[in-house]
Amino acid sequence: MSNSKARTPRAEVMFACIEKYLAAKTQDGLSQKAFCGQEGLAITTFQNWLQKYRAHQRQVETAPVLAKRFIPLHVQAPPNAPPLSCRLEFPNGVILCVSGAVALERLFHLAAGR
């Protein structure tokens, strides 16, 4: 399991237990209740940690997407170029439309959300 450095020792133990259950469930179709009986765990404790494990997995899976949220914008207008006109669509649905004479520095600030 990746990103284990941010977990507590208890989380390490419980996440390993959850992964053991998931493997057994896949192979043998083992129920949560049967697994908890084998491991000596309370079903409510197991289910609580299963929720934490799934939330952690979602976070790990989305981390690469969040790391690539924005790429730098580099615009170079040639001398005596006509006024700049562009449309920037951001992943969160925000659309920035610019037309007419706009200083490139101002465009950078708008794109960066400043």
PDB file of N, CA and C in Angstrom:
ATOM      1  N   MET A   1       0.844  -1.177   0.000  1.00  0.00           N
ATOM      2  CA  MET A   1       0.000   0.000   0.000  1.00  0.00           C
ATOM      3  C   MET A   1       0.881   1.229   0.000  1.00  0.00           C
ATOM      4  N   SER A   2       0.597   2.193  -0.829  1.00  0.00           N
ATOM      5  CA  SER A   2       1.438   3.377  -0.939  1.00  0.00           C
ATOM      6  C   SER A   2       1.053   4.422   0.099  1.00  0.00           C
ATOM      7  N   ASN A   3       1.952   5.391   0.269  1.00  0.00           N
ATOM      8  CA  ASN A   3       1.733   6.534   1.146  1.00  0.00           C
ATOM      9  C   ASN A   3       1.522   6.125   2.601  1.00  0.00           C
ATOM     10  N   SER A   4       2.258   5.116   3.071  1.00  0.00           N
ATOM     11  CA  SER A   4       2.073   4.645   4.436  1.00  0.00           C
ATOM     12  C   SER A   4       2.733   5.546   5.469  1.00  0.00           C
ATOM     13  N   LYS A   5       3.626   6.455   5.049  1.00  0.00           N
ATOM     14  CA  LYS A   5       4.334   7.296   6.012  1.00  0.00           C
ATOM     15  C   LYS A   5       3.422   8.238   6.789  1.00  0.00           C
ATOM     16  N   ALA A   6       2.238   8.544   6.265  1.00  0.00           N
ATOM     17  CA  ALA A   6       1.334   9.479   6.930  1.00  0.00           C
ATOM     18  C   ALA A   6       0.375   8.774   7.891  1.00  0.00           C
ATOM     19  N   ARG A   7       0.454   7.456   7.995  1.00  0.00           N
ATOM     20  CA  ARG A   7      -0.495   6.720   8.825  1.00  0.00           C
ATOM     21  C   ARG A   7       0.091   6.420  10.197  1.00  0.00           C
ATOM     22  N   THR A   8      -0.800   6.291  11.163  1.00  0.00           N
ATOM     23  CA  THR A   8      -0.400   5.929  12.522  1.00  0.00           C
ATOM     24  C   THR A   8      -0.095   4.429  12.573  1.00  0.00           C
ATOM     25  N   PRO A   9       0.611   3.974  13.623  1.00  0.00           N
ATOM     26  CA  PRO A   9       0.860   2.531  13.747  1.00  0.00           C
ATOM     27  C   PRO A   9      -0.443   1.718  13.772  1.00  0.00           C
ATOM     28  N   ARG A  10      -1.469   2.239  14.445  1.00  0.00           N
ATOM     29  CA  ARG A  10      -2.756   1.539  14.484  1.00  0.00           C
ATOM     30  C   ARG A  10      -3.366   1.451  13.091  1.00  0.00           C
ATOM     31  N   ALA A  11      -3.273   2.542  12.338  1.00  0.00           N
ATOM     32  CA  ALA A  11      -3.801   2.533  10.974  1.00  0.00           C
ATOM     33  C   ALA A  11      -3.040   1.529  10.118  1.00  0.00           C
ATOM     34  N   GLU A  12      -1.735   1.433  10.304  1.00  0.00           N
ATOM     35  CA  GLU A  12      -0.935   0.450   9.560  1.00  0.00           C
ATOM     36  C   GLU A  12      -1.462  -0.957   9.799  1.00  0.00           C
ATOM     37  N   VAL A  13      -1.705  -1.284  11.061  1.00  0.00           N
ATOM     38  CA  VAL A  13      -2.189  -2.615  11.429  1.00  0.00           C
ATOM     39  C   VAL A  13      -3.581  -2.853  10.842  1.00  0.00           C
ATOM     40  N   MET A  14      -4.456  -1.890  11.008  1.00  0.00           N
ATOM     41  CA  MET A  14      -5.829  -2.074  10.551  1.00  0.00           C
ATOM     42  C   MET A  14      -5.926  -2.084   9.020  1.00  0.00           C
ATOM     43  N   PHE A  15      -5.145  -1.248   8.356  1.00  0.00           N
ATOM     44  CA  PHE A  15      -5.167  -1.246   6.892  1.00  0.00           C
ATOM     45  C   PHE A  15      -4.647  -2.571   6.355  1.00  0.00           C
ATOM     46  N   ALA A  16      -3.625  -3.127   7.000  1.00  0.00           N
ATOM     47  CA  ALA A  16      -3.120  -4.446   6.605  1.00  0.00           C
ATOM     48  C   ALA A  16      -4.207  -5.498   6.805  1.00  0.00           C
ATOM     49  N   CYS A  17      -4.948  -5.384   7.876  1.00  0.00           N
ATOM     50  CA  CYS A  17      -6.045  -6.304   8.171  1.00  0.00           C
ATOM     51  C   CYS A  17      -7.137  -6.178   7.100  1.00  0.00           C
ATOM     52  N   ILE A  18      -7.456  -4.958   6.720  1.00  0.00           N
ATOM     53  CA  ILE A  18      -8.476  -4.706   5.689  1.00  0.00           C
ATOM     54  C   ILE A  18      -8.015  -5.317   4.365  1.00  0.00           C
ATOM     55  N   GLU A  19      -6.748  -5.114   4.019  1.00  0.00           N
ATOM     56  CA  GLU A  19      -6.230  -5.678   2.772  1.00  0.00           C
ATOM     57  C   GLU A  19      -6.276  -7.202   2.807  1.00  0.00           C
ATOM     58  N   LYS A  20      -6.022  -7.788   3.969  1.00  0.00           N
ATOM     59  CA  LYS A  20      -6.124  -9.240   4.134  1.00  0.00           C
ATOM     60  C   LYS A  20      -7.567  -9.688   3.895  1.00  0.00           C
ATOM     61  N   TYR A  21      -8.512  -8.937   4.466  1.00  0.00           N
ATOM     62  CA  TYR A  21      -9.926  -9.252   4.269  1.00  0.00           C
ATOM     63  C   TYR A  21     -10.304  -9.141   2.791  1.00  0.00           C
ATOM     64  N   LEU A  22      -9.889  -8.064   2.131  1.00  0.00           N
ATOM     65  CA  LEU A  22     -10.245  -7.862   0.724  1.00  0.00           C
ATOM     66  C   LEU A  22      -9.706  -8.987  -0.148  1.00  0.00           C
ATOM     67  N   ALA A  23      -8.500  -9.459   0.153  1.00  0.00           N
ATOM     68  CA  ALA A  23      -7.924 -10.577  -0.591  1.00  0.00           C
ATOM     69  C   ALA A  23      -8.727 -11.859  -0.327  1.00  0.00           C
ATOM     70  N   ALA A  24      -9.081 -12.095   0.938  1.00  0.00           N
ATOM     71  CA  ALA A  24      -9.856 -13.293   1.285  1.00  0.00           C
ATOM     72  C   ALA A  24     -11.259 -13.231   0.686  1.00  0.00           C
ATOM     73  N   LYS A  25     -11.827 -12.058   0.657  1.00  0.00           N
ATOM     74  CA  LYS A  25     -13.161 -11.881   0.082  1.00  0.00           C
ATOM     75  C   LYS A  25     -13.128 -12.200  -1.410  1.00  0.00           C
ATOM     76  N   THR A  26     -12.096 -11.739  -2.078  1.00  0.00           N
ATOM     77  CA  THR A  26     -11.958 -11.984  -3.513  1.00  0.00           C
ATOM     78  C   THR A  26     -11.781 -13.470  -3.799  1.00  0.00           C
ATOM     79  N   GLN A  27     -10.926 -14.126  -3.022  1.00  0.00           N
ATOM     80  CA  GLN A  27     -10.635 -15.545  -3.252  1.00  0.00           C
ATOM     81  C   GLN A  27     -11.760 -16.454  -2.768  1.00  0.00           C
ATOM     82  N   ASP A  28     -12.219 -16.241  -1.551  1.00  0.00           N
ATOM     83  CA  ASP A  28     -13.134 -17.193  -0.906  1.00  0.00           C
ATOM     84  C   ASP A  28     -14.551 -16.676  -0.717  1.00  0.00           C
ATOM     85  N   GLY A  29     -14.801 -15.401  -1.032  1.00  0.00           N
ATOM     86  CA  GLY A  29     -16.119 -14.834  -0.788  1.00  0.00           C
ATOM     87  C   GLY A  29     -16.430 -14.696   0.690  1.00  0.00           C
ATOM     88  N   LEU A  30     -15.398 -14.483   1.503  1.00  0.00           N
ATOM     89  CA  LEU A  30     -15.535 -14.402   2.960  1.00  0.00           C
ATOM     90  C   LEU A  30     -16.331 -13.163   3.364  1.00  0.00           C
ATOM     91  N   SER A  31     -17.291 -13.331   4.267  1.00  0.00           N
ATOM     92  CA  SER A  31     -18.091 -12.202   4.739  1.00  0.00           C
ATOM     93  C   SER A  31     -17.298 -11.414   5.788  1.00  0.00           C
ATOM     94  N   GLN A  32     -17.723 -10.185   6.014  1.00  0.00           N
ATOM     95  CA  GLN A  32     -17.083  -9.356   7.035  1.00  0.00           C
ATOM     96  C   GLN A  32     -17.236 -10.010   8.409  1.00  0.00           C
ATOM     97  N   LYS A  33     -18.414 -10.517   8.688  1.00  0.00           N
ATOM     98  CA  LYS A  33     -18.681 -11.127   9.994  1.00  0.00           C
ATOM     99  C   LYS A  33     -17.773 -12.342  10.214  1.00  0.00           C
ATOM    100  N   ALA A  34     -17.639 -13.188   9.211  1.00  0.00           N
ATOM    101  CA  ALA A  34     -16.788 -14.378   9.334  1.00  0.00           C
ATOM    102  C   ALA A  34     -15.323 -13.974   9.496  1.00  0.00           C
ATOM    103  N   PHE A  35     -14.902 -12.979   8.741  1.00  0.00           N
ATOM    104  CA  PHE A  35     -13.514 -12.518   8.840  1.00  0.00           C
ATOM    105  C   PHE A  35     -13.232 -11.962  10.229  1.00  0.00           C
ATOM    106  N   CYS A  36     -14.142 -11.135  10.732  1.00  0.00           N
ATOM    107  CA  CYS A  36     -13.957 -10.541  12.057  1.00  0.00           C
ATOM    108  C   CYS A  36     -13.910 -11.630  13.138  1.00  0.00           C
ATOM    109  N   GLY A  37     -14.712 -12.672  12.973  1.00  0.00           N
ATOM    110  CA  GLY A  37     -14.673 -13.797  13.909  1.00  0.00           C
ATOM    111  C   GLY A  37     -13.317 -14.493  13.894  1.00  0.00           C
ATOM    112  N   GLN A  38     -12.754 -14.679  12.713  1.00  0.00           N
ATOM    113  CA  GLN A  38     -11.434 -15.306  12.586  1.00  0.00           C
ATOM    114  C   GLN A  38     -10.337 -14.453  13.201  1.00  0.00           C
ATOM    115  N   GLU A  39     -10.459 -13.143  13.033  1.00  0.00           N
ATOM    116  CA  GLU A  39      -9.410 -12.216  13.474  1.00  0.00           C
ATOM    117  C   GLU A  39      -9.615 -11.704  14.893  1.00  0.00           C
ATOM    118  N   GLY A  40     -10.763 -11.998  15.487  1.00  0.00           N
ATOM    119  CA  GLY A  40     -11.044 -11.510  16.832  1.00  0.00           C
ATOM    120  C   GLY A  40     -11.329 -10.018  16.878  1.00  0.00           C
ATOM    121  N   LEU A  41     -11.973  -9.511  15.835  1.00  0.00           N
ATOM    122  CA  LEU A  41     -12.304  -8.080  15.745  1.00  0.00           C
ATOM    123  C   LEU A  41     -13.802  -7.874  15.928  1.00  0.00           C
ATOM    124  N   ALA A  42     -14.162  -6.759  16.541  1.00  0.00           N
ATOM    125  CA  ALA A  42     -15.573  -6.365  16.592  1.00  0.00           C
ATOM    126  C   ALA A  42     -15.969  -5.884  15.200  1.00  0.00           C
ATOM    127  N   ILE A  43     -17.116  -6.297  14.721  1.00  0.00           N
ATOM    128  CA  ILE A  43     -17.573  -5.933  13.376  1.00  0.00           C
ATOM    129  C   ILE A  43     -17.662  -4.413  13.207  1.00  0.00           C
ATOM    130  N   THR A  44     -18.095  -3.703  14.260  1.00  0.00           N
ATOM    131  CA  THR A  44     -18.209  -2.240  14.162  1.00  0.00           C
ATOM    132  C   THR A  44     -16.835  -1.587  14.027  1.00  0.00           C
ATOM    133  N   THR A  45     -15.852  -2.113  14.740  1.00  0.00           N
ATOM    134  CA  THR A  45     -14.483  -1.593  14.612  1.00  0.00           C
ATOM    135  C   THR A  45     -13.972  -1.826  13.203  1.00  0.00           C
ATOM    136  N   PHE A  46     -14.198  -3.027  12.695  1.00  0.00           N
ATOM    137  CA  PHE A  46     -13.758  -3.362  11.342  1.00  0.00           C
ATOM    138  C   PHE A  46     -14.412  -2.437  10.318  1.00  0.00           C
ATOM    139  N   GLN A  47     -15.708  -2.242  10.418  1.00  0.00           N
ATOM    140  CA  GLN A  47     -16.418  -1.405   9.457  1.00  0.00           C
ATOM    141  C   GLN A  47     -15.965   0.051   9.526  1.00  0.00           C
ATOM    142  N   ASN A  48     -15.666   0.527  10.741  1.00  0.00           N
ATOM    143  CA  ASN A  48     -15.139   1.884  10.897  1.00  0.00           C
ATOM    144  C   ASN A  48     -13.806   2.022  10.155  1.00  0.00           C
ATOM    145  N   TRP A  49     -12.915   1.055  10.344  1.00  0.00           N
ATOM    146  CA  TRP A  49     -11.612   1.102   9.684  1.00  0.00           C
ATOM    147  C   TRP A  49     -11.731   0.862   8.182  1.00  0.00           C
ATOM    148  N   LEU A  50     -12.704   0.098   7.764  1.00  0.00           N
ATOM    149  CA  LEU A  50     -12.934  -0.113   6.331  1.00  0.00           C
ATOM    150  C   LEU A  50     -13.313   1.207   5.664  1.00  0.00           C
ATOM    151  N   GLN A  51     -14.138   2.017   6.335  1.00  0.00           N
ATOM    152  CA  GLN A  51     -14.493   3.342   5.809  1.00  0.00           C
ATOM    153  C   GLN A  51     -13.245   4.222   5.705  1.00  0.00           C
ATOM    154  N   LYS A  52     -12.416   4.211   6.748  1.00  0.00           N
ATOM    155  CA  LYS A  52     -11.182   5.008   6.728  1.00  0.00           C
ATOM    156  C   LYS A  52     -10.259   4.541   5.617  1.00  0.00           C
ATOM    157  N   TYR A  53     -10.165   3.238   5.443  1.00  0.00           N
ATOM    158  CA  TYR A  53      -9.317   2.668   4.392  1.00  0.00           C
ATOM    159  C   TYR A  53      -9.801   3.123   3.011  1.00  0.00           C
ATOM    160  N   ARG A  54     -11.095   3.038   2.778  1.00  0.00           N
ATOM    161  CA  ARG A  54     -11.642   3.446   1.471  1.00  0.00           C
ATOM    162  C   ARG A  54     -11.445   4.939   1.220  1.00  0.00           C
ATOM    163  N   ALA A  55     -11.615   5.751   2.258  1.00  0.00           N
ATOM    164  CA  ALA A  55     -11.381   7.193   2.116  1.00  0.00           C
ATOM    165  C   ALA A  55      -9.913   7.462   1.787  1.00  0.00           C
ATOM    166  N   HIS A  56      -9.028   6.735   2.444  1.00  0.00           N
ATOM    167  CA  HIS A  56      -7.592   6.879   2.182  1.00  0.00           C
ATOM    168  C   HIS A  56      -7.270   6.471   0.736  1.00  0.00           C
ATOM    169  N   GLN A  57      -7.881   5.386   0.276  1.00  0.00           N
ATOM    170  CA  GLN A  57      -7.655   4.921  -1.093  1.00  0.00           C
ATOM    171  C   GLN A  57      -8.113   5.968  -2.106  1.00  0.00           C
ATOM    172  N   ARG A  58      -9.275   6.574  -1.862  1.00  0.00           N
ATOM    173  CA  ARG A  58      -9.757   7.624  -2.770  1.00  0.00           C
ATOM    174  C   ARG A  58      -8.786   8.793  -2.802  1.00  0.00           C
ATOM    175  N   GLN A  59      -8.257   9.147  -1.637  1.00  0.00           N
ATOM    176  CA  GLN A  59      -7.306  10.248  -1.556  1.00  0.00           C
ATOM    177  C   GLN A  59      -6.026   9.916  -2.320  1.00  0.00           C
ATOM    178  N   VAL A  60      -5.541   8.696  -2.172  1.00  0.00           N
ATOM    179  CA  VAL A  60      -4.326   8.270  -2.870  1.00  0.00           C
ATOM    180  C   VAL A  60      -4.550   8.265  -4.381  1.00  0.00           C
ATOM    181  N   GLU A  61      -5.722   7.805  -4.806  1.00  0.00           N
ATOM    182  CA  GLU A  61      -6.027   7.737  -6.232  1.00  0.00           C
ATOM    183  C   GLU A  61      -6.167   9.108  -6.868  1.00  0.00           C
ATOM    184  N   THR A  62      -6.658  10.096  -6.128  1.00  0.00           N
ATOM    185  CA  THR A  62      -6.847  11.434  -6.691  1.00  0.00           C
ATOM    186  C   THR A  62      -5.623  12.324  -6.522  1.00  0.00           C
ATOM    187  N   ALA A  63      -4.653  11.916  -5.735  1.00  0.00           N
ATOM    188  CA  ALA A  63      -3.460  12.747  -5.508  1.00  0.00           C
ATOM    189  C   ALA A  63      -2.749  13.121  -6.793  1.00  0.00           C
ATOM    190  N   PRO A  64      -2.501  12.188  -7.736  1.00  0.00           N
ATOM    191  CA  PRO A  64      -1.823  12.590  -8.968  1.00  0.00           C
ATOM    192  C   PRO A  64      -2.612  13.615  -9.760  1.00  0.00           C
ATOM    193  N   VAL A  65      -3.932  13.525  -9.739  1.00  0.00           N
ATOM    194  CA  VAL A  65      -4.762  14.489 -10.448  1.00  0.00           C
ATOM    195  C   VAL A  65      -4.619  15.862  -9.807  1.00  0.00           C
ATOM    196  N   LEU A  66      -4.647  15.925  -8.481  1.00  0.00           N
ATOM    197  CA  LEU A  66      -4.521  17.203  -7.785  1.00  0.00           C
ATOM    198  C   LEU A  66      -3.146  17.815  -7.985  1.00  0.00           C
ATOM    199  N   ALA A  67      -2.118  16.998  -8.121  1.00  0.00           N
ATOM    200  CA  ALA A  67      -0.764  17.507  -8.312  1.00  0.00           C
ATOM    201  C   ALA A  67      -0.618  18.198  -9.664  1.00  0.00           C
ATOM    202  N   LYS A  68      -1.481  17.855 -10.636  1.00  0.00           N
ATOM    203  CA  LYS A  68      -1.403  18.432 -11.978  1.00  0.00           C
ATOM    204  C   LYS A  68      -2.536  19.423 -12.214  1.00  0.00           C
ATOM    205  N   ARG A  69      -2.869  20.188 -11.219  1.00  0.00           N
ATOM    206  CA  ARG A  69      -4.022  21.078 -11.308  1.00  0.00           C
ATOM    207  C   ARG A  69      -3.821  22.241 -12.264  1.00  0.00           C
ATOM    208  N   PHE A  70      -2.614  22.724 -12.378  1.00  0.00           N
ATOM    209  CA  PHE A  70      -2.409  23.925 -13.177  1.00  0.00           C
ATOM    210  C   PHE A  70      -1.043  23.878 -13.823  1.00  0.00           C
ATOM    211  N   ILE A  71      -0.992  24.229 -15.056  1.00  0.00           N
ATOM    212  CA  ILE A  71       0.304  24.327 -15.717  1.00  0.00           C
ATOM    213  C   ILE A  71       0.580  25.798 -15.989  1.00  0.00           C
ATOM    214  N   PRO A  72       1.841  26.191 -15.940  1.00  0.00           N
ATOM    215  CA  PRO A  72       2.170  27.611 -16.143  1.00  0.00           C
ATOM    216  C   PRO A  72       1.715  28.105 -17.517  1.00  0.00           C
ATOM    217  N   LEU A  73       1.342  29.345 -17.558  1.00  0.00           N
ATOM    218  CA  LEU A  73       0.926  29.984 -18.795  1.00  0.00           C
ATOM    219  C   LEU A  73       2.043  30.920 -19.242  1.00  0.00           C
ATOM    220  N   HIS A  74       2.536  30.698 -20.438  1.00  0.00           N
ATOM    221  CA  HIS A  74       3.590  31.550 -20.996  1.00  0.00           C
ATOM    222  C   HIS A  74       3.078  32.123 -22.310  1.00  0.00           C
ATOM    223  N   VAL A  75       2.958  33.430 -22.355  1.00  0.00           N
ATOM    224  CA  VAL A  75       2.460  34.095 -23.561  1.00  0.00           C
ATOM    225  C   VAL A  75       3.496  35.118 -23.998  1.00  0.00           C
ATOM    226  N   GLN A  76       3.835  35.054 -25.269  1.00  0.00           N
ATOM    227  CA  GLN A  76       4.740  36.051 -25.830  1.00  0.00           C
ATOM    228  C   GLN A  76       4.074  36.637 -27.070  1.00  0.00           C
ATOM    229  N   ALA A  77       3.788  37.889 -27.009  1.00  0.00           N
ATOM    230  CA  ALA A  77       3.185  38.554 -28.157  1.00  0.00           C
ATOM    231  C   ALA A  77       4.287  39.221 -28.970  1.00  0.00           C
ATOM    232  N   PRO A  78       4.280  39.026 -30.261  1.00  0.00           N
ATOM    233  CA  PRO A  78       5.285  39.697 -31.088  1.00  0.00           C
ATOM    234  C   PRO A  78       5.051  41.208 -31.091  1.00  0.00           C
ATOM    235  N   PRO A  79       6.089  41.959 -31.344  1.00  0.00           N
ATOM    236  CA  PRO A  79       5.921  43.420 -31.398  1.00  0.00           C
ATOM    237  C   PRO A  79       4.864  43.799 -32.433  1.00  0.00           C
ATOM    238  N   ASN A  80       4.105  44.836 -32.141  1.00  0.00           N
ATOM    239  CA  ASN A  80       3.050  45.354 -33.029  1.00  0.00           C
ATOM    240  C   ASN A  80       1.975  44.311 -33.336  1.00  0.00           C
ATOM    241  N   ALA A  81       1.754  43.382 -32.425  1.00  0.00           N
ATOM    242  CA  ALA A  81       0.720  42.369 -32.628  1.00  0.00           C
ATOM    243  C   ALA A  81      -0.651  42.975 -32.366  1.00  0.00           C
ATOM    244  N   PRO A  82      -1.696  42.445 -33.005  1.00  0.00           N
ATOM    245  CA  PRO A  82      -3.044  42.947 -32.721  1.00  0.00           C
ATOM    246  C   PRO A  82      -3.422  42.601 -31.282  1.00  0.00           C
ATOM    247  N   PRO A  83      -4.462  43.240 -30.743  1.00  0.00           N
ATOM    248  CA  PRO A  83      -4.870  42.970 -29.362  1.00  0.00           C
ATOM    249  C   PRO A  83      -5.117  41.476 -29.119  1.00  0.00           C
ATOM    250  N   LEU A  84      -4.788  41.060 -27.934  1.00  0.00           N
ATOM    251  CA  LEU A  84      -4.898  39.662 -27.538  1.00  0.00           C
ATOM    252  C   LEU A  84      -6.352  39.273 -27.304  1.00  0.00           C
ATOM    253  N   SER A  85      -6.734  38.107 -27.759  1.00  0.00           N
ATOM    254  CA  SER A  85      -8.064  37.572 -27.508  1.00  0.00           C
ATOM    255  C   SER A  85      -7.910  36.087 -27.197  1.00  0.00           C
ATOM    256  N   CYS A  86      -8.388  35.664 -26.022  1.00  0.00           N
ATOM    257  CA  CYS A  86      -8.266  34.249 -25.684  1.00  0.00           C
ATOM    258  C   CYS A  86      -9.358  33.835 -24.706  1.00  0.00           C
ATOM    259  N   ARG A  87      -9.506  32.524 -24.567  1.00  0.00           N
ATOM    260  CA  ARG A  87     -10.488  31.922 -23.657  1.00  0.00           C
ATOM    261  C   ARG A  87      -9.770  30.805 -22.911  1.00  0.00           C
ATOM    262  N   LEU A  88      -9.751  30.891 -21.583  1.00  0.00           N
ATOM    263  CA  LEU A  88      -9.141  29.859 -20.747  1.00  0.00           C
ATOM    264  C   LEU A  88     -10.249  29.133 -19.999  1.00  0.00           C
ATOM    265  N   GLU A  89     -10.278  27.796 -20.137  1.00  0.00           N
ATOM    266  CA  GLU A  89     -11.256  26.983 -19.430  1.00  0.00           C
ATOM    267  C   GLU A  89     -10.520  26.168 -18.376  1.00  0.00           C
ATOM    268  N   PHE A  90     -10.878  26.371 -17.118  1.00  0.00           N
ATOM    269  CA  PHE A  90     -10.242  25.692 -16.007  1.00  0.00           C
ATOM    270  C   PHE A  90     -11.007  24.413 -15.666  1.00  0.00           C
ATOM    271  N   PRO A  91     -10.322  23.430 -15.080  1.00  0.00           N
ATOM    272  CA  PRO A  91     -10.971  22.158 -14.748  1.00  0.00           C
ATOM    273  C   PRO A  91     -12.183  22.288 -13.828  1.00  0.00           C
ATOM    274  N   ASN A  92     -12.225  23.341 -13.012  1.00  0.00           N
ATOM    275  CA  ASN A  92     -13.350  23.500 -12.081  1.00  0.00           C
ATOM    276  C   ASN A  92     -14.556  24.178 -12.733  1.00  0.00           C
ATOM    277  N   GLY A  93     -14.477  24.422 -14.051  1.00  0.00           N
ATOM    278  CA  GLY A  93     -15.601  25.005 -14.768  1.00  0.00           C
ATOM    279  C   GLY A  93     -15.511  26.502 -14.973  1.00  0.00           C
ATOM    280  N   VAL A  94     -14.556  27.165 -14.349  1.00  0.00           N
ATOM    281  CA  VAL A  94     -14.394  28.607 -14.510  1.00  0.00           C
ATOM    282  C   VAL A  94     -13.842  28.887 -15.908  1.00  0.00           C
ATOM    283  N   ILE A  95     -14.429  29.865 -16.569  1.00  0.00           N
ATOM    284  CA  ILE A  95     -13.982  30.257 -17.906  1.00  0.00           C
ATOM    285  C   ILE A  95     -13.549  31.719 -17.846  1.00  0.00           C
ATOM    286  N   LEU A  96     -12.358  31.981 -18.344  1.00  0.00           N
ATOM    287  CA  LEU A  96     -11.808  33.329 -18.370  1.00  0.00           C
ATOM    288  C   LEU A  96     -11.679  33.744 -19.832  1.00  0.00           C
ATOM    289  N   CYS A  97     -12.448  34.760 -20.234  1.00  0.00           N
ATOM    290  CA  CYS A  97     -12.392  35.272 -21.598  1.00  0.00           C
ATOM    291  C   CYS A  97     -11.747  36.655 -21.568  1.00  0.00           C
ATOM    292  N   VAL A  98     -10.787  36.843 -22.439  1.00  0.00           N
ATOM    293  CA  VAL A  98     -10.083  38.120 -22.513  1.00  0.00           C
ATOM    294  C   VAL A  98     -10.050  38.550 -23.967  1.00  0.00           C
ATOM    295  N   SER A  99     -10.418  39.791 -24.195  1.00  0.00           N
ATOM    296  CA  SER A  99     -10.300  40.332 -25.541  1.00  0.00           C
ATOM    297  C   SER A  99      -9.922  41.799 -25.435  1.00  0.00           C
ATOM    298  N   GLY A 100      -9.346  42.292 -26.477  1.00  0.00           N
ATOM    299  CA  GLY A 100      -8.898  43.674 -26.472  1.00  0.00           C
ATOM    300  C   GLY A 100      -7.499  43.791 -25.902  1.00  0.00           C
ATOM    301  N   ALA A 101      -7.092  44.999 -25.689  1.00  0.00           N
ATOM    302  CA  ALA A 101      -5.744  45.261 -25.198  1.00  0.00           C
ATOM    303  C   ALA A 101      -5.673  44.952 -23.701  1.00  0.00           C
ATOM    304  N   VAL A 102      -4.943  43.910 -23.352  1.00  0.00           N
ATOM    305  CA  VAL A 102      -4.751  43.530 -21.959  1.00  0.00           C
ATOM    306  C   VAL A 102      -3.257  43.333 -21.755  1.00  0.00           C
ATOM    307  N   ALA A 103      -2.728  43.952 -20.721  1.00  0.00           N
ATOM    308  CA  ALA A 103      -1.313  43.775 -20.422  1.00  0.00           C
ATOM    309  C   ALA A 103      -1.065  42.303 -20.081  1.00  0.00           C
ATOM    310  N   LEU A 104       0.008  41.737 -20.615  1.00  0.00           N
ATOM    311  CA  LEU A 104       0.307  40.333 -20.363  1.00  0.00           C
ATOM    312  C   LEU A 104       0.455  40.051 -18.871  1.00  0.00           C
ATOM    313  N   GLU A 105       1.030  40.998 -18.138  1.00  0.00           N
ATOM    314  CA  GLU A 105       1.172  40.806 -16.694  1.00  0.00           C
ATOM    315  C   GLU A 105      -0.198  40.668 -16.031  1.00  0.00           C
ATOM    316  N   ARG A 106      -1.159  41.453 -16.464  1.00  0.00           N
ATOM    317  CA  ARG A 106      -2.522  41.362 -15.914  1.00  0.00           C
ATOM    318  C   ARG A 106      -3.145  40.001 -16.246  1.00  0.00           C
ATOM    319  N   LEU A 107      -2.898  39.514 -17.464  1.00  0.00           N
ATOM    320  CA  LEU A 107      -3.406  38.206 -17.863  1.00  0.00           C
ATOM    321  C   LEU A 107      -2.827  37.112 -16.973  1.00  0.00           C
ATOM    322  N   PHE A 108      -1.548  37.192 -16.664  1.00  0.00           N
ATOM    323  CA  PHE A 108      -0.914  36.207 -15.774  1.00  0.00           C
ATOM    324  C   PHE A 108      -1.580  36.220 -14.404  1.00  0.00           C
ATOM    325  N   HIS A 109      -1.854  37.418 -13.879  1.00  0.00           N
ATOM    326  CA  HIS A 109      -2.496  37.538 -12.563  1.00  0.00           C
ATOM    327  C   HIS A 109      -3.913  36.962 -12.596  1.00  0.00           C
ATOM    328  N   LEU A 110      -4.654  37.212 -13.676  1.00  0.00           N
ATOM    329  CA  LEU A 110      -6.006  36.669 -13.786  1.00  0.00           C
ATOM    330  C   LEU A 110      -5.969  35.151 -13.875  1.00  0.00           C
ATOM    331  N   ALA A 111      -5.054  34.610 -14.648  1.00  0.00           N
ATOM    332  CA  ALA A 111      -4.962  33.155 -14.805  1.00  0.00           C
ATOM    333  C   ALA A 111      -4.538  32.492 -13.500  1.00  0.00           C
ATOM    334  N   ALA A 112      -3.718  33.161 -12.719  1.00  0.00           N
ATOM    335  CA  ALA A 112      -3.259  32.593 -11.446  1.00  0.00           C
ATOM    336  C   ALA A 112      -4.289  32.777 -10.336  1.00  0.00           C
ATOM    337  N   GLY A 113      -5.357  33.518 -10.607  1.00  0.00           N
ATOM    338  CA  GLY A 113      -6.400  33.710  -9.610  1.00  0.00           C
ATOM    339  C   GLY A 113      -6.029  34.746  -8.556  1.00  0.00           C
ATOM    340  N   ARG A 114      -5.168  35.674  -8.915  1.00  0.00           N
ATOM    341  CA  ARG A 114      -4.773  36.725  -7.967  1.00  0.00           C
ATOM    342  C   ARG A 114      -5.523  37.997  -8.190  1.00  0.00           C
TER     343      ARG A 114
END
